[in-house]
Amino acid sequence: MNNAKPFARSACAIANSLDVLGDKWSLLVVRDLLHGKHTYGELARSPEHIPTNILAERLKRLESAGIISSAPYQERPVRYAYTLTSKGVALGEVLLALVRWGKRHIPGTVAMTQRPAGAEGAASPTRRAR
């Protein structure tokens, strides 16, 4: 018996990865979790200002895909802490490739731990992002 789900478009790994992660917010949520954010409030305060309804939907989608997990840290009201699964942590390599490409081909871009040249408190480039 074959338990594999049929693919939405094709068996192409890129197409199927994009079906899970191909919107403009999901990888930014993963980025923030990789950088130590854990709560909905922390994620909502990211520099890109993800709308709260979209953030809630992306968190559900990423959890459903096995990329993140959630655990309640407060009961009234219930609030959740989010962490990356091993599947989510593996996306760090993908994000690093995007950082390298962006820094090489899009003038003025920096790794998240950096600030644009001339910005107050500019941090040094991260070693892995070079």
N, C-alpha and C. Protein backbone atom coordinates (compact mmCIF):
# COMPACT_ATOMS: atom_id res chain seq x y z
N MET A 1 0.85 -1.17 0.00
CA MET A 1 0.00 0.00 0.00
C MET A 1 0.90 1.24 0.00
N ASN A 2 0.57 2.21 -0.83
CA ASN A 2 1.34 3.44 -0.94
C ASN A 2 0.65 4.53 -0.12
N ASN A 3 1.33 5.03 0.93
CA ASN A 3 0.77 6.06 1.80
C ASN A 3 1.19 7.47 1.41
N ALA A 4 1.97 7.61 0.34
CA ALA A 4 2.43 8.93 -0.09
C ALA A 4 1.25 9.74 -0.60
N LYS A 5 1.20 11.01 -0.19
CA LYS A 5 0.15 11.90 -0.67
C LYS A 5 0.48 12.31 -2.10
N PRO A 6 -0.52 12.47 -2.95
CA PRO A 6 -0.24 12.95 -4.30
C PRO A 6 0.27 14.39 -4.24
N PHE A 7 1.17 14.72 -5.13
CA PHE A 7 1.74 16.06 -5.17
C PHE A 7 0.74 17.02 -5.81
N ALA A 8 0.73 18.26 -5.32
CA ALA A 8 -0.20 19.26 -5.83
C ALA A 8 0.06 19.57 -7.30
N ARG A 9 1.35 19.67 -7.68
CA ARG A 9 1.67 20.04 -9.07
C ARG A 9 2.53 19.00 -9.75
N SER A 10 3.58 18.58 -9.10
CA SER A 10 4.50 17.60 -9.66
C SER A 10 5.34 17.05 -8.52
N ALA A 11 6.24 16.13 -8.84
CA ALA A 11 7.14 15.58 -7.83
C ALA A 11 8.39 16.43 -7.66
N CYS A 12 8.47 17.56 -8.33
CA CYS A 12 9.64 18.45 -8.25
C CYS A 12 9.85 18.92 -6.81
N ALA A 13 11.08 18.72 -6.30
CA ALA A 13 11.39 19.12 -4.92
C ALA A 13 11.23 20.62 -4.71
N ILE A 14 11.59 21.42 -5.70
CA ILE A 14 11.46 22.88 -5.56
C ILE A 14 9.99 23.26 -5.50
N ALA A 15 9.18 22.72 -6.39
CA ALA A 15 7.75 23.04 -6.40
C ALA A 15 7.09 22.67 -5.08
N ASN A 16 7.43 21.51 -4.55
CA ASN A 16 6.82 21.06 -3.30
C ASN A 16 7.35 21.84 -2.10
N SER A 17 8.60 22.24 -2.12
CA SER A 17 9.14 23.08 -1.05
C SER A 17 8.45 24.44 -1.07
N LEU A 18 8.23 24.98 -2.27
CA LEU A 18 7.54 26.26 -2.38
C LEU A 18 6.08 26.17 -1.93
N ASP A 19 5.46 25.02 -2.11
CA ASP A 19 4.10 24.85 -1.63
C ASP A 19 4.03 25.00 -0.10
N VAL A 20 5.10 24.62 0.59
CA VAL A 20 5.14 24.74 2.04
C VAL A 20 5.68 26.11 2.48
N LEU A 21 6.71 26.61 1.80
CA LEU A 21 7.45 27.78 2.28
C LEU A 21 7.47 28.96 1.33
N GLY A 22 6.75 28.91 0.24
CA GLY A 22 6.92 29.88 -0.83
C GLY A 22 6.18 31.19 -0.72
N ASP A 23 5.65 31.52 0.44
CA ASP A 23 5.03 32.84 0.58
C ASP A 23 6.05 33.83 1.12
N LYS A 24 5.69 35.08 1.23
CA LYS A 24 6.69 36.07 1.63
C LYS A 24 6.91 36.17 3.14
N TRP A 25 6.23 35.34 3.95
CA TRP A 25 6.36 35.45 5.40
C TRP A 25 6.98 34.23 6.07
N SER A 26 6.75 33.05 5.57
CA SER A 26 7.14 31.82 6.28
C SER A 26 8.62 31.74 6.62
N LEU A 27 9.48 32.04 5.67
CA LEU A 27 10.91 31.96 5.94
C LEU A 27 11.36 33.05 6.90
N LEU A 28 10.65 34.17 6.94
CA LEU A 28 10.99 35.21 7.92
C LEU A 28 10.64 34.76 9.34
N VAL A 29 9.55 34.02 9.48
CA VAL A 29 9.21 33.44 10.78
C VAL A 29 10.29 32.44 11.20
N VAL A 30 10.72 31.59 10.27
CA VAL A 30 11.80 30.64 10.55
C VAL A 30 13.07 31.39 10.93
N ARG A 31 13.40 32.45 10.19
CA ARG A 31 14.57 33.26 10.51
C ARG A 31 14.52 33.76 11.95
N ASP A 32 13.37 34.30 12.33
CA ASP A 32 13.25 34.85 13.68
C ASP A 32 13.36 33.77 14.75
N LEU A 33 12.82 32.60 14.48
CA LEU A 33 12.95 31.50 15.44
C LEU A 33 14.40 31.04 15.54
N LEU A 34 15.11 31.03 14.42
CA LEU A 34 16.54 30.70 14.44
C LEU A 34 17.32 31.73 15.26
N HIS A 35 16.86 32.97 15.28
CA HIS A 35 17.54 34.04 16.01
C HIS A 35 17.05 34.17 17.44
N GLY A 36 16.30 33.20 17.93
CA GLY A 36 15.97 33.17 19.35
C GLY A 36 14.63 33.73 19.76
N LYS A 37 13.82 34.15 18.84
CA LYS A 37 12.47 34.59 19.21
C LYS A 37 11.64 33.33 19.45
N HIS A 38 10.68 33.43 20.39
CA HIS A 38 9.88 32.24 20.70
C HIS A 38 8.39 32.52 20.84
N THR A 39 8.02 33.73 21.16
CA THR A 39 6.60 34.01 21.41
C THR A 39 5.96 34.76 20.25
N TYR A 40 4.65 34.70 20.23
CA TYR A 40 3.88 35.39 19.21
C TYR A 40 4.23 36.89 19.21
N GLY A 41 4.30 37.49 20.40
CA GLY A 41 4.62 38.91 20.50
C GLY A 41 5.99 39.24 19.94
N GLU A 42 6.98 38.39 20.24
CA GLU A 42 8.32 38.61 19.71
C GLU A 42 8.32 38.52 18.18
N LEU A 43 7.61 37.53 17.66
CA LEU A 43 7.54 37.36 16.21
C LEU A 43 6.80 38.53 15.56
N ALA A 44 5.77 39.02 16.20
CA ALA A 44 4.99 40.13 15.65
C ALA A 44 5.80 41.43 15.62
N ARG A 45 6.81 41.55 16.47
CA ARG A 45 7.62 42.77 16.52
C ARG A 45 8.81 42.74 15.56
N SER A 46 8.84 41.81 14.65
CA SER A 46 9.93 41.74 13.68
C SER A 46 9.93 42.99 12.80
N PRO A 47 11.07 43.34 12.24
CA PRO A 47 11.17 44.58 11.47
C PRO A 47 10.24 44.64 10.25
N GLU A 48 9.82 43.50 9.74
CA GLU A 48 8.95 43.49 8.56
C GLU A 48 7.48 43.73 8.90
N HIS A 49 7.13 43.73 10.20
CA HIS A 49 5.77 44.02 10.66
C HIS A 49 4.73 43.10 10.02
N ILE A 50 4.90 41.81 10.18
CA ILE A 50 3.93 40.85 9.65
C ILE A 50 2.56 41.11 10.28
N PRO A 51 1.52 41.23 9.48
CA PRO A 51 0.18 41.42 10.05
C PRO A 51 -0.17 40.24 10.96
N THR A 52 -0.83 40.52 12.06
CA THR A 52 -1.07 39.49 13.07
C THR A 52 -1.92 38.33 12.55
N ASN A 53 -2.89 38.61 11.69
CA ASN A 53 -3.71 37.52 11.16
C ASN A 53 -2.87 36.60 10.28
N ILE A 54 -1.92 37.16 9.54
CA ILE A 54 -1.06 36.36 8.69
C ILE A 54 -0.06 35.58 9.54
N LEU A 55 0.47 36.21 10.59
CA LEU A 55 1.39 35.51 11.48
C LEU A 55 0.71 34.30 12.10
N ALA A 56 -0.50 34.45 12.58
CA ALA A 56 -1.23 33.33 13.19
C ALA A 56 -1.41 32.20 12.17
N GLU A 57 -1.75 32.55 10.95
CA GLU A 57 -1.96 31.53 9.91
C GLU A 57 -0.65 30.84 9.56
N ARG A 58 0.43 31.60 9.45
CA ARG A 58 1.73 30.99 9.10
C ARG A 58 2.22 30.07 10.21
N LEU A 59 2.02 30.46 11.46
CA LEU A 59 2.42 29.59 12.56
C LEU A 59 1.66 28.26 12.50
N LYS A 60 0.37 28.31 12.22
CA LYS A 60 -0.41 27.08 12.08
C LYS A 60 0.09 26.24 10.91
N ARG A 61 0.36 26.89 9.78
CA ARG A 61 0.84 26.18 8.60
C ARG A 61 2.20 25.53 8.85
N LEU A 62 3.12 26.28 9.47
CA LEU A 62 4.45 25.74 9.75
C LEU A 62 4.40 24.59 10.75
N GLU A 63 3.49 24.69 11.72
CA GLU A 63 3.34 23.59 12.68
C GLU A 63 2.75 22.37 12.00
N SER A 64 1.76 22.58 11.15
CA SER A 64 1.15 21.48 10.42
C SER A 64 2.16 20.77 9.52
N ALA A 65 3.12 21.53 8.98
CA ALA A 65 4.15 20.96 8.11
C ALA A 65 5.29 20.32 8.90
N GLY A 66 5.25 20.40 10.23
CA GLY A 66 6.29 19.80 11.05
C GLY A 66 7.57 20.62 11.12
N ILE A 67 7.48 21.91 10.81
CA ILE A 67 8.65 22.78 10.81
C ILE A 67 8.84 23.45 12.17
N ILE A 68 7.73 23.71 12.86
CA ILE A 68 7.80 24.26 14.21
C ILE A 68 6.90 23.44 15.12
N SER A 69 7.12 23.60 16.41
CA SER A 69 6.21 23.02 17.40
C SER A 69 5.86 24.12 18.38
N SER A 70 4.73 23.95 19.05
CA SER A 70 4.30 24.95 20.03
C SER A 70 4.00 24.25 21.35
N ALA A 71 4.20 25.00 22.41
CA ALA A 71 3.89 24.50 23.76
C ALA A 71 3.37 25.68 24.57
N PRO A 72 2.28 25.46 25.31
CA PRO A 72 1.76 26.56 26.12
C PRO A 72 2.74 26.93 27.23
N TYR A 73 2.89 28.23 27.44
CA TYR A 73 3.72 28.70 28.55
C TYR A 73 2.90 29.52 29.54
N GLN A 74 1.64 29.78 29.21
CA GLN A 74 0.73 30.53 30.08
C GLN A 74 -0.67 29.97 29.85
N GLU A 75 -1.46 29.89 30.94
CA GLU A 75 -2.79 29.28 30.81
C GLU A 75 -3.92 30.26 30.58
N ARG A 76 -3.91 31.41 31.24
CA ARG A 76 -5.03 32.34 31.10
C ARG A 76 -4.54 33.72 30.78
N PRO A 77 -4.67 34.18 29.56
CA PRO A 77 -5.09 33.41 28.39
C PRO A 77 -3.97 32.47 27.96
N VAL A 78 -4.34 31.45 27.19
CA VAL A 78 -3.34 30.50 26.72
C VAL A 78 -2.41 31.21 25.74
N ARG A 79 -1.12 31.11 26.00
CA ARG A 79 -0.10 31.66 25.12
C ARG A 79 0.91 30.57 24.85
N TYR A 80 1.44 30.58 23.64
CA TYR A 80 2.34 29.51 23.21
C TYR A 80 3.74 30.02 22.93
N ALA A 81 4.70 29.15 23.19
CA ALA A 81 6.08 29.37 22.79
C ALA A 81 6.32 28.48 21.58
N TYR A 82 7.02 29.01 20.59
CA TYR A 82 7.28 28.29 19.35
C TYR A 82 8.76 27.95 19.25
N THR A 83 9.03 26.75 18.80
CA THR A 83 10.41 26.32 18.58
C THR A 83 10.48 25.58 17.25
N LEU A 84 11.66 25.59 16.66
CA LEU A 84 11.87 24.87 15.42
C LEU A 84 12.09 23.39 15.72
N THR A 85 11.54 22.56 14.88
CA THR A 85 11.84 21.13 14.94
C THR A 85 13.16 20.92 14.21
N SER A 86 13.66 19.70 14.19
CA SER A 86 14.90 19.45 13.43
C SER A 86 14.69 19.76 11.95
N LYS A 87 13.49 19.52 11.47
CA LYS A 87 13.15 19.86 10.08
C LYS A 87 13.23 21.38 9.86
N GLY A 88 12.80 22.15 10.84
CA GLY A 88 12.87 23.60 10.76
C GLY A 88 14.29 24.12 10.88
N VAL A 89 15.06 23.54 11.78
CA VAL A 89 16.46 23.95 11.95
C VAL A 89 17.23 23.73 10.65
N ALA A 90 16.90 22.66 9.93
CA ALA A 90 17.58 22.37 8.66
C ALA A 90 17.36 23.48 7.63
N LEU A 91 16.33 24.28 7.79
CA LEU A 91 16.09 25.41 6.88
C LEU A 91 17.13 26.52 7.08
N GLY A 92 17.90 26.46 8.15
CA GLY A 92 18.96 27.44 8.36
C GLY A 92 19.93 27.47 7.19
N GLU A 93 20.20 26.31 6.60
CA GLU A 93 21.09 26.24 5.44
C GLU A 93 20.49 26.98 4.25
N VAL A 94 19.19 26.86 4.07
CA VAL A 94 18.49 27.55 2.99
C VAL A 94 18.56 29.06 3.21
N LEU A 95 18.31 29.49 4.44
CA LEU A 95 18.36 30.91 4.74
C LEU A 95 19.76 31.47 4.58
N LEU A 96 20.76 30.71 4.97
CA LEU A 96 22.14 31.15 4.79
C LEU A 96 22.46 31.33 3.31
N ALA A 97 21.98 30.43 2.47
CA ALA A 97 22.20 30.57 1.03
C ALA A 97 21.51 31.84 0.51
N LEU A 98 20.32 32.15 1.01
CA LEU A 98 19.63 33.38 0.59
C LEU A 98 20.37 34.62 1.07
N VAL A 99 20.93 34.57 2.29
CA VAL A 99 21.73 35.70 2.79
C VAL A 99 22.93 35.93 1.87
N ARG A 100 23.64 34.86 1.57
CA ARG A 100 24.82 34.99 0.71
C ARG A 100 24.46 35.54 -0.66
N TRP A 101 23.39 35.03 -1.25
CA TRP A 101 22.96 35.49 -2.57
C TRP A 101 22.56 36.97 -2.50
N GLY A 102 21.76 37.33 -1.51
CA GLY A 102 21.30 38.71 -1.38
C GLY A 102 22.44 39.69 -1.18
N LYS A 103 23.40 39.32 -0.32
CA LYS A 103 24.53 40.22 -0.08
C LYS A 103 25.39 40.37 -1.34
N ARG A 104 25.46 39.33 -2.14
CA ARG A 104 26.27 39.38 -3.36
C ARG A 104 25.56 40.14 -4.48
N HIS A 105 24.24 40.01 -4.59
CA HIS A 105 23.53 40.51 -5.77
C HIS A 105 22.55 41.65 -5.53
N ILE A 106 22.29 42.01 -4.28
CA ILE A 106 21.36 43.10 -4.00
C ILE A 106 22.11 44.12 -3.14
N PRO A 107 22.61 45.18 -3.77
CA PRO A 107 23.42 46.17 -3.05
C PRO A 107 22.70 46.72 -1.82
N GLY A 108 23.45 46.82 -0.72
CA GLY A 108 22.94 47.41 0.51
C GLY A 108 22.28 46.44 1.46
N THR A 109 22.07 45.20 1.03
CA THR A 109 21.44 44.25 1.93
C THR A 109 22.46 43.72 2.93
N VAL A 110 21.96 43.33 4.09
CA VAL A 110 22.80 42.82 5.16
C VAL A 110 22.13 41.60 5.79
N ALA A 111 22.92 40.84 6.54
CA ALA A 111 22.35 39.76 7.34
C ALA A 111 21.55 40.39 8.47
N MET A 112 20.57 39.71 8.99
CA MET A 112 19.70 40.28 10.01
C MET A 112 20.46 40.81 11.21
N THR A 113 21.57 40.21 11.58
CA THR A 113 22.32 40.67 12.74
C THR A 113 23.15 41.90 12.43
N GLN A 114 23.08 42.37 11.18
CA GLN A 114 23.80 43.57 10.76
C GLN A 114 22.83 44.73 10.61
N ARG A 115 23.37 45.93 10.63
CA ARG A 115 22.59 47.11 10.30
C ARG A 115 23.22 47.71 9.05
N PRO A 116 22.42 48.41 8.23
CA PRO A 116 22.99 49.05 7.04
C PRO A 116 24.15 49.98 7.41
N ALA A 117 25.08 50.14 6.51
CA ALA A 117 26.23 51.01 6.73
C ALA A 117 25.76 52.38 7.16
N GLY A 118 26.38 52.92 8.20
CA GLY A 118 26.03 54.24 8.69
C GLY A 118 24.92 54.24 9.73
N ALA A 119 24.26 53.10 9.95
CA ALA A 119 23.20 53.04 10.95
C ALA A 119 23.83 53.03 12.34
N GLU A 120 23.13 53.63 13.29
CA GLU A 120 23.63 53.66 14.67
C GLU A 120 23.80 52.25 15.18
N GLY A 121 24.88 52.01 15.90
CA GLY A 121 25.10 50.71 16.52
C GLY A 121 25.29 49.60 15.52
N ALA A 122 25.85 49.91 14.36
CA ALA A 122 26.02 48.89 13.33
C ALA A 122 26.82 47.72 13.89
N ALA A 123 26.30 46.54 13.68
CA ALA A 123 26.97 45.33 14.14
C ALA A 123 27.90 44.83 13.06
N SER A 124 28.88 44.08 13.46
CA SER A 124 29.78 43.51 12.46
C SER A 124 29.07 42.36 11.75
N PRO A 125 29.47 42.05 10.53
CA PRO A 125 28.83 40.97 9.80
C PRO A 125 28.99 39.65 10.54
N THR A 126 27.98 38.82 10.44
CA THR A 126 28.11 37.50 11.04
C THR A 126 29.05 36.67 10.20
N ARG A 127 29.81 35.84 10.81
CA ARG A 127 30.78 35.04 10.07
C ARG A 127 30.12 34.12 9.07
N ARG A 128 29.04 33.47 9.49
CA ARG A 128 28.38 32.51 8.61
C ARG A 128 27.70 33.19 7.43
N ALA A 129 27.36 34.46 7.52
CA ALA A 129 26.62 35.12 6.46
C ALA A 129 27.51 35.68 5.36
N ARG A 130 28.80 35.58 5.48
CA ARG A 130 29.70 36.16 4.48
C ARG A 130 29.70 35.36 3.21
